[in-house]
PDB file of all heavy atoms in Angstrom:
ATOM      1  N   VAL A   1    -120.075  44.403  24.764  1.00  0.00           N
ATOM      2  CA  VAL A   1    -121.350  44.188  24.091  1.00  0.00           C
ATOM      3  C   VAL A   1    -122.360  45.149  24.692  1.00  0.00           C
ATOM      4  O   VAL A   1    -122.473  45.244  25.924  1.00  0.00           O
ATOM      5  CB  VAL A   1    -121.835  42.739  24.252  1.00  0.00           C
ATOM      6  CG1 VAL A   1    -123.168  42.538  23.540  1.00  0.00           C
ATOM      7  CG2 VAL A   1    -120.797  41.759  23.717  1.00  0.00           C
ATOM      8  N   PHE A   2    -123.086  45.867  23.839  1.00  0.00           N
ATOM      9  CA  PHE A   2    -123.999  46.905  24.306  1.00  0.00           C
ATOM     10  C   PHE A   2    -125.334  46.810  23.570  1.00  0.00           C
ATOM     11  O   PHE A   2    -125.370  46.539  22.377  1.00  0.00           O
ATOM     12  CB  PHE A   2    -123.418  48.305  24.045  1.00  0.00           C
ATOM     13  CG  PHE A   2    -122.065  48.548  24.637  1.00  0.00           C
ATOM     14  CD1 PHE A   2    -120.918  48.297  23.900  1.00  0.00           C
ATOM     15  CD2 PHE A   2    -121.933  49.025  25.929  1.00  0.00           C
ATOM     16  CE1 PHE A   2    -119.661  48.531  24.429  1.00  0.00           C
ATOM     17  CE2 PHE A   2    -120.686  49.260  26.471  1.00  0.00           C
ATOM     18  CZ  PHE A   2    -119.540  49.005  25.720  1.00  0.00           C
ATOM     19  N   ASP A   3    -126.426  47.080  24.291  1.00  0.00           N
ATOM     20  CA  ASP A   3    -127.701  47.341  23.643  1.00  0.00           C
ATOM     21  C   ASP A   3    -127.687  48.805  23.215  1.00  0.00           C
ATOM     22  O   ASP A   3    -127.712  49.710  24.061  1.00  0.00           O
ATOM     23  CB  ASP A   3    -128.868  47.073  24.592  1.00  0.00           C
ATOM     24  CG  ASP A   3    -129.137  45.585  24.778  1.00  0.00           C
ATOM     25  OD1 ASP A   3    -128.600  44.784  23.997  1.00  0.00           O
ATOM     26  OD2 ASP A   3    -129.879  45.233  25.714  1.00  0.00           O
ATOM     27  N   ALA A   4    -127.620  49.027  21.915  1.00  0.00           N
ATOM     28  CA  ALA A   4    -127.494  50.388  21.383  1.00  0.00           C
ATOM     29  C   ALA A   4    -128.878  50.963  21.151  1.00  0.00           C
ATOM     30  O   ALA A   4    -129.378  51.022  20.024  1.00  0.00           O
ATOM     31  CB  ALA A   4    -126.680  50.366  20.096  1.00  0.00           C
ATOM     32  N   VAL A   5    -129.510  51.392  22.233  1.00  0.00           N
ATOM     33  CA  VAL A   5    -130.897  51.843  22.181  1.00  0.00           C
ATOM     34  C   VAL A   5    -131.020  53.223  22.802  1.00  0.00           C
ATOM     35  O   VAL A   5    -130.165  53.651  23.578  1.00  0.00           O
ATOM     36  CB  VAL A   5    -131.826  50.853  22.920  1.00  0.00           C
ATOM     37  CG1 VAL A   5    -131.824  49.498  22.227  1.00  0.00           C
ATOM     38  CG2 VAL A   5    -131.411  50.692  24.385  1.00  0.00           C
ATOM     39  N   GLY A   6    -132.107  53.902  22.461  1.00  0.00           N
ATOM     40  CA  GLY A   6    -132.417  55.165  23.114  1.00  0.00           C
ATOM     41  C   GLY A   6    -133.150  54.921  24.418  1.00  0.00           C
ATOM     42  O   GLY A   6    -133.592  53.806  24.706  1.00  0.00           O
ATOM     43  N   PRO A   7    -133.277  55.956  25.228  1.00  0.00           N
ATOM     44  CA  PRO A   7    -133.985  55.809  26.500  1.00  0.00           C
ATOM     45  C   PRO A   7    -135.429  55.351  26.292  1.00  0.00           C
ATOM     46  O   PRO A   7    -136.089  55.752  25.337  1.00  0.00           O
ATOM     47  CB  PRO A   7    -133.947  57.221  27.098  1.00  0.00           C
ATOM     48  CG  PRO A   7    -132.809  57.907  26.406  1.00  0.00           C
ATOM     49  CD  PRO A   7    -132.762  57.321  25.034  1.00  0.00           C
ATOM     50  N   VAL A   8    -135.905  54.502  27.186  1.00  0.00           N
ATOM     51  CA  VAL A   8    -137.307  54.066  27.141  1.00  0.00           C
ATOM     52  C   VAL A   8    -138.189  55.269  27.465  1.00  0.00           C
ATOM     53  O   VAL A   8    -137.986  55.961  28.469  1.00  0.00           O
ATOM     54  CB  VAL A   8    -137.551  52.915  28.122  1.00  0.00           C
ATOM     55  CG1 VAL A   8    -139.028  52.524  28.124  1.00  0.00           C
ATOM     56  CG2 VAL A   8    -136.675  51.720  27.767  1.00  0.00           C
ATOM     57  N   THR A   9    -139.181  55.513  26.611  1.00  0.00           N
ATOM     58  CA  THR A   9    -140.010  56.710  26.687  1.00  0.00           C
ATOM     59  C   THR A   9    -141.471  56.332  26.464  1.00  0.00           C
ATOM     60  O   THR A   9    -141.764  55.502  25.597  1.00  0.00           O
ATOM     61  CB  THR A   9    -139.586  57.713  25.592  1.00  0.00           C
ATOM     62  OG1 THR A   9    -138.190  57.981  25.711  1.00  0.00           O
ATOM     63  CG2 THR A   9    -140.375  59.015  25.686  1.00  0.00           C
ATOM     64  N   PRO A  10    -142.416  56.912  27.196  1.00  0.00           N
ATOM     65  CA  PRO A  10    -143.828  56.681  26.858  1.00  0.00           C
ATOM     66  C   PRO A  10    -144.117  57.166  25.439  1.00  0.00           C
ATOM     67  O   PRO A  10    -143.669  58.246  25.041  1.00  0.00           O
ATOM     68  CB  PRO A  10    -144.581  57.511  27.901  1.00  0.00           C
ATOM     69  CG  PRO A  10    -143.618  57.704  29.018  1.00  0.00           C
ATOM     70  CD  PRO A  10    -142.253  57.766  28.381  1.00  0.00           C
ATOM     71  N   ILE A  11    -144.870  56.391  24.687  1.00  0.00           N
ATOM     72  CA  ILE A  11    -145.112  56.762  23.305  1.00  0.00           C
ATOM     73  C   ILE A  11    -145.874  58.083  23.200  1.00  0.00           C
ATOM     74  O   ILE A  11    -145.681  58.851  22.250  1.00  0.00           O
ATOM     75  CB  ILE A  11    -145.846  55.632  22.552  1.00  0.00           C
ATOM     76  CG1 ILE A  11    -145.797  55.905  21.037  1.00  0.00           C
ATOM     77  CG2 ILE A  11    -147.277  55.448  23.047  1.00  0.00           C
ATOM     78  CD1 ILE A  11    -146.259  54.747  20.187  1.00  0.00           C
ATOM     79  N   GLY A  12    -146.693  58.394  24.202  1.00  0.00           N
ATOM     80  CA  GLY A  12    -147.374  59.680  24.187  1.00  0.00           C
ATOM     81  C   GLY A  12    -146.382  60.833  24.240  1.00  0.00           C
ATOM     82  O   GLY A  12    -146.541  61.849  23.551  1.00  0.00           O
ATOM     83  N   ALA A  13    -145.327  60.695  25.063  1.00  0.00           N
ATOM     84  CA  ALA A  13    -144.303  61.736  25.159  1.00  0.00           C
ATOM     85  C   ALA A  13    -143.495  61.826  23.871  1.00  0.00           C
ATOM     86  O   ALA A  13    -143.145  62.922  23.409  1.00  0.00           O
ATOM     87  CB  ALA A  13    -143.391  61.456  26.348  1.00  0.00           C
ATOM     88  N   LEU A  14    -143.195  60.665  23.268  1.00  0.00           N
ATOM     89  CA  LEU A  14    -142.453  60.679  22.008  1.00  0.00           C
ATOM     90  C   LEU A  14    -143.250  61.383  20.917  1.00  0.00           C
ATOM     91  O   LEU A  14    -142.722  62.255  20.206  1.00  0.00           O
ATOM     92  CB  LEU A  14    -142.134  59.251  21.581  1.00  0.00           C
ATOM     93  CG  LEU A  14    -141.541  59.088  20.180  1.00  0.00           C
ATOM     94  CD1 LEU A  14    -140.180  59.746  20.083  1.00  0.00           C
ATOM     95  CD2 LEU A  14    -141.455  57.630  19.773  1.00  0.00           C
ATOM     96  N   LEU A  15    -144.535  61.021  20.771  1.00  0.00           N
ATOM     97  CA  LEU A  15    -145.333  61.627  19.714  1.00  0.00           C
ATOM     98  C   LEU A  15    -145.557  63.120  19.970  1.00  0.00           C
ATOM     99  O   LEU A  15    -145.610  63.920  19.027  1.00  0.00           O
ATOM    100  CB  LEU A  15    -146.663  60.895  19.574  1.00  0.00           C
ATOM    101  CG  LEU A  15    -146.567  59.445  19.090  1.00  0.00           C
ATOM    102  CD1 LEU A  15    -147.954  58.834  18.956  1.00  0.00           C
ATOM    103  CD2 LEU A  15    -145.803  59.348  17.776  1.00  0.00           C
ATOM    104  N   ALA A  16    -145.665  63.509  21.235  1.00  0.00           N
ATOM    105  CA  ALA A  16    -145.786  64.935  21.546  1.00  0.00           C
ATOM    106  C   ALA A  16    -144.518  65.682  21.138  1.00  0.00           C
ATOM    107  O   ALA A  16    -144.581  66.807  20.631  1.00  0.00           O
ATOM    108  CB  ALA A  16    -146.055  65.121  23.038  1.00  0.00           C
ATOM    109  N   ALA A  17    -143.356  65.034  21.332  1.00  0.00           N
ATOM    110  CA  ALA A  17    -142.100  65.653  20.921  1.00  0.00           C
ATOM    111  C   ALA A  17    -142.015  65.762  19.401  1.00  0.00           C
ATOM    112  O   ALA A  17    -141.537  66.771  18.862  1.00  0.00           O
ATOM    113  CB  ALA A  17    -140.921  64.852  21.468  1.00  0.00           C
ATOM    114  N   VAL A  18    -142.487  64.735  18.696  1.00  0.00           N
ATOM    115  CA  VAL A  18    -142.510  64.796  17.236  1.00  0.00           C
ATOM    116  C   VAL A  18    -143.397  65.951  16.778  1.00  0.00           C
ATOM    117  O   VAL A  18    -143.036  66.710  15.868  1.00  0.00           O
ATOM    118  CB  VAL A  18    -142.995  63.461  16.640  1.00  0.00           C
ATOM    119  CG1 VAL A  18    -143.192  63.588  15.133  1.00  0.00           C
ATOM    120  CG2 VAL A  18    -142.013  62.340  16.955  1.00  0.00           C
ATOM    121  N   ALA A  19    -144.545  66.116  17.425  1.00  0.00           N
ATOM    122  CA  ALA A  19    -145.448  67.221  17.064  1.00  0.00           C
ATOM    123  C   ALA A  19    -144.766  68.570  17.280  1.00  0.00           C
ATOM    124  O   ALA A  19    -144.884  69.474  16.443  1.00  0.00           O
ATOM    125  CB  ALA A  19    -146.734  67.128  17.877  1.00  0.00           C
ATOM    126  N   ARG A  20    -144.035  68.700  18.386  1.00  0.00           N
ATOM    127  CA  ARG A  20    -143.327  69.967  18.621  1.00  0.00           C
ATOM    128  C   ARG A  20    -142.261  70.192  17.550  1.00  0.00           C
ATOM    129  O   ARG A  20    -142.058  71.335  17.091  1.00  0.00           O
ATOM    130  CB  ARG A  20    -142.697  69.963  20.011  1.00  0.00           C
ATOM    131  CG  ARG A  20    -143.699  70.046  21.146  1.00  0.00           C
ATOM    132  CD  ARG A  20    -143.014  70.358  22.470  1.00  0.00           C
ATOM    133  NE  ARG A  20    -142.103  69.300  22.888  1.00  0.00           N
ATOM    134  CZ  ARG A  20    -142.458  68.236  23.604  1.00  0.00           C
ATOM    135  NH1 ARG A  20    -143.737  68.082  23.959  1.00  0.00           N
ATOM    136  NH2 ARG A  20    -141.569  67.335  23.966  1.00  0.00           N
ATOM    137  N   GLY A  21    -141.553  69.121  17.169  1.00  0.00           N
ATOM    138  CA  GLY A  21    -140.529  69.263  16.140  1.00  0.00           C
ATOM    139  C   GLY A  21    -141.104  69.688  14.805  1.00  0.00           C
ATOM    140  O   GLY A  21    -140.472  70.431  14.047  1.00  0.00           O
ATOM    141  N   VAL A  22    -142.314  69.238  14.512  1.00  0.00           N
ATOM    142  CA  VAL A  22    -142.990  69.588  13.262  1.00  0.00           C
ATOM    143  C   VAL A  22    -143.674  70.947  13.369  1.00  0.00           C
ATOM    144  O   VAL A  22    -143.917  71.616  12.366  1.00  0.00           O
ATOM    145  CB  VAL A  22    -144.001  68.482  12.898  1.00  0.00           C
ATOM    146  CG1 VAL A  22    -144.882  68.873  11.716  1.00  0.00           C
ATOM    147  CG2 VAL A  22    -143.257  67.180  12.587  1.00  0.00           C
ATOM    148  N   GLY A  23    -143.982  71.371  14.604  1.00  0.00           N
ATOM    149  CA  GLY A  23    -144.716  72.615  14.811  1.00  0.00           C
ATOM    150  C   GLY A  23    -146.210  72.441  14.696  1.00  0.00           C
ATOM    151  O   GLY A  23    -146.928  73.371  14.288  1.00  0.00           O
ATOM    152  N   ALA A  24    -146.707  71.242  15.063  1.00  0.00           N
ATOM    153  CA  ALA A  24    -148.126  70.924  14.915  1.00  0.00           C
ATOM    154  C   ALA A  24    -148.782  70.787  16.281  1.00  0.00           C
ATOM    155  O   ALA A  24    -148.120  70.461  17.277  1.00  0.00           O
ATOM    156  CB  ALA A  24    -148.298  69.629  14.129  1.00  0.00           C
ATOM    157  N   GLU A  25    -150.099  71.019  16.316  1.00  0.00           N
ATOM    158  CA  GLU A  25    -150.896  70.849  17.538  1.00  0.00           C
ATOM    159  C   GLU A  25    -152.048  69.895  17.226  1.00  0.00           C
ATOM    160  O   GLU A  25    -153.160  70.316  16.942  1.00  0.00           O
ATOM    161  CB  GLU A  25    -151.414  72.198  18.036  1.00  0.00           C
ATOM    162  CG  GLU A  25    -150.297  73.148  18.462  1.00  0.00           C
ATOM    163  CD  GLU A  25    -150.827  74.451  19.029  1.00  0.00           C
ATOM    164  OE1 GLU A  25    -152.076  74.622  19.063  1.00  0.00           O
ATOM    165  OE2 GLU A  25    -150.021  75.302  19.417  1.00  0.00           O
ATOM    166  N   PRO A  26    -151.769  68.602  17.279  1.00  0.00           N
ATOM    167  CA  PRO A  26    -152.800  67.622  16.915  1.00  0.00           C
ATOM    168  C   PRO A  26    -153.816  67.403  18.031  1.00  0.00           C
ATOM    169  O   PRO A  26    -153.564  67.727  19.194  1.00  0.00           O
ATOM    170  CB  PRO A  26    -151.983  66.352  16.672  1.00  0.00           C
ATOM    171  CG  PRO A  26    -150.834  66.487  17.615  1.00  0.00           C
ATOM    172  CD  PRO A  26    -150.496  67.959  17.637  1.00  0.00           C
ATOM    173  N   ARG A  27    -154.949  66.822  17.665  1.00  0.00           N
ATOM    174  CA  ARG A  27    -155.879  66.239  18.640  1.00  0.00           C
ATOM    175  C   ARG A  27    -155.695  64.733  18.552  1.00  0.00           C
ATOM    176  O   ARG A  27    -156.110  64.105  17.562  1.00  0.00           O
ATOM    177  CB  ARG A  27    -157.330  66.625  18.315  1.00  0.00           C
ATOM    178  CG  ARG A  27    -157.663  68.092  18.564  1.00  0.00           C
ATOM    179  CD  ARG A  27    -159.163  68.335  18.411  1.00  0.00           C
ATOM    180  NE  ARG A  27    -159.609  68.118  17.046  1.00  0.00           N
ATOM    181  CZ  ARG A  27    -159.914  69.097  16.193  1.00  0.00           C
ATOM    182  NH1 ARG A  27    -159.818  70.358  16.570  1.00  0.00           N
ATOM    183  NH2 ARG A  27    -160.324  68.809  14.963  1.00  0.00           N
ATOM    184  N   TRP A  28    -155.065  64.170  19.548  1.00  0.00           N
ATOM    185  CA  TRP A  28    -154.768  62.738  19.514  1.00  0.00           C
ATOM    186  C   TRP A  28    -156.032  61.930  19.766  1.00  0.00           C
ATOM    187  O   TRP A  28    -156.810  62.250  20.662  1.00  0.00           O
ATOM    188  CB  TRP A  28    -153.716  62.385  20.567  1.00  0.00           C
ATOM    189  CG  TRP A  28    -152.392  63.058  20.354  1.00  0.00           C
ATOM    190  CD1 TRP A  28    -151.865  64.082  21.079  1.00  0.00           C
ATOM    191  CD2 TRP A  28    -151.438  62.753  19.336  1.00  0.00           C
ATOM    192  NE1 TRP A  28    -150.636  64.445  20.579  1.00  0.00           N
ATOM    193  CE2 TRP A  28    -150.344  63.647  19.513  1.00  0.00           C
ATOM    194  CE3 TRP A  28    -151.388  61.824  18.296  1.00  0.00           C
ATOM    195  CZ2 TRP A  28    -149.220  63.622  18.685  1.00  0.00           C
ATOM    196  CZ3 TRP A  28    -150.270  61.805  17.471  1.00  0.00           C
ATOM    197  CH2 TRP A  28    -149.199  62.693  17.672  1.00  0.00           C
ATOM    198  N   VAL A  29    -156.206  60.884  18.986  1.00  0.00           N
ATOM    199  CA  VAL A  29    -157.311  59.950  19.172  1.00  0.00           C
ATOM    200  C   VAL A  29    -156.683  58.588  19.459  1.00  0.00           C
ATOM    201  O   VAL A  29    -156.199  57.899  18.549  1.00  0.00           O
ATOM    202  CB  VAL A  29    -158.214  59.877  17.932  1.00  0.00           C
ATOM    203  CG1 VAL A  29    -159.356  58.894  18.173  1.00  0.00           C
ATOM    204  CG2 VAL A  29    -158.753  61.264  17.565  1.00  0.00           C
ATOM    205  N   TRP A  30    -156.666  58.211  20.742  1.00  0.00           N
ATOM    206  CA  TRP A  30    -156.014  56.973  21.147  1.00  0.00           C
ATOM    207  C   TRP A  30    -156.999  55.811  21.007  1.00  0.00           C
ATOM    208  O   TRP A  30    -158.102  55.856  21.553  1.00  0.00           O
ATOM    209  CB  TRP A  30    -155.510  57.079  22.582  1.00  0.00           C
ATOM    210  CG  TRP A  30    -154.409  58.103  22.724  1.00  0.00           C
ATOM    211  CD1 TRP A  30    -154.557  59.426  23.002  1.00  0.00           C
ATOM    212  CD2 TRP A  30    -153.018  57.874  22.534  1.00  0.00           C
ATOM    213  NE1 TRP A  30    -153.338  60.052  23.002  1.00  0.00           N
ATOM    214  CE2 TRP A  30    -152.365  59.128  22.715  1.00  0.00           C
ATOM    215  CE3 TRP A  30    -152.253  56.749  22.226  1.00  0.00           C
ATOM    216  CZ2 TRP A  30    -150.986  59.266  22.610  1.00  0.00           C
ATOM    217  CZ3 TRP A  30    -150.880  56.882  22.112  1.00  0.00           C
ATOM    218  CH2 TRP A  30    -150.252  58.135  22.302  1.00  0.00           C
ATOM    219  N   ALA A  31    -156.579  54.794  20.270  1.00  0.00           N
ATOM    220  CA  ALA A  31    -157.440  53.627  20.044  1.00  0.00           C
ATOM    221  C   ALA A  31    -156.776  52.404  20.651  1.00  0.00           C
ATOM    222  O   ALA A  31    -155.590  52.141  20.413  1.00  0.00           O
ATOM    223  CB  ALA A  31    -157.664  53.415  18.549  1.00  0.00           C
ATOM    224  N   ALA A  32    -157.536  51.630  21.428  1.00  0.00           N
ATOM    225  CA  ALA A  32    -156.997  50.437  22.073  1.00  0.00           C
ATOM    226  C   ALA A  32    -156.573  49.407  21.038  1.00  0.00           C
ATOM    227  O   ALA A  32    -157.080  49.376  19.910  1.00  0.00           O
ATOM    228  CB  ALA A  32    -158.039  49.839  23.013  1.00  0.00           C
ATOM    229  N   SER A  33    -155.649  48.538  21.454  1.00  0.00           N
ATOM    230  CA  SER A  33    -155.109  47.533  20.531  1.00  0.00           C
ATOM    231  C   SER A  33    -156.192  46.668  19.914  1.00  0.00           C
ATOM    232  O   SER A  33    -156.157  46.372  18.708  1.00  0.00           O
ATOM    233  CB  SER A  33    -154.098  46.641  21.266  1.00  0.00           C
ATOM    234  OG  SER A  33    -152.926  47.350  21.564  1.00  0.00           O
ATOM    235  N   ASP A  34    -157.188  46.269  20.732  1.00  0.00           N
ATOM    236  CA  ASP A  34    -158.226  45.400  20.168  1.00  0.00           C
ATOM    237  C   ASP A  34    -159.052  46.130  19.118  1.00  0.00           C
ATOM    238  O   ASP A  34    -159.495  45.533  18.130  1.00  0.00           O
ATOM    239  CB  ASP A  34    -159.110  44.816  21.273  1.00  0.00           C
ATOM    240  CG  ASP A  34    -159.800  45.861  22.118  1.00  0.00           C
ATOM    241  OD1 ASP A  34    -159.530  47.073  21.954  1.00  0.00           O
ATOM    242  OD2 ASP A  34    -160.627  45.471  22.981  1.00  0.00           O
TER     243      ASP A  34
END
């Protein structure tokens, strides 16, 4: 029995990787949950 998951990653690092894959240079605006 296995947890079939990817490595735990900070979401900032994941989104930065997505931006690199797309070839984009965004200005991130981080908004708190509340």
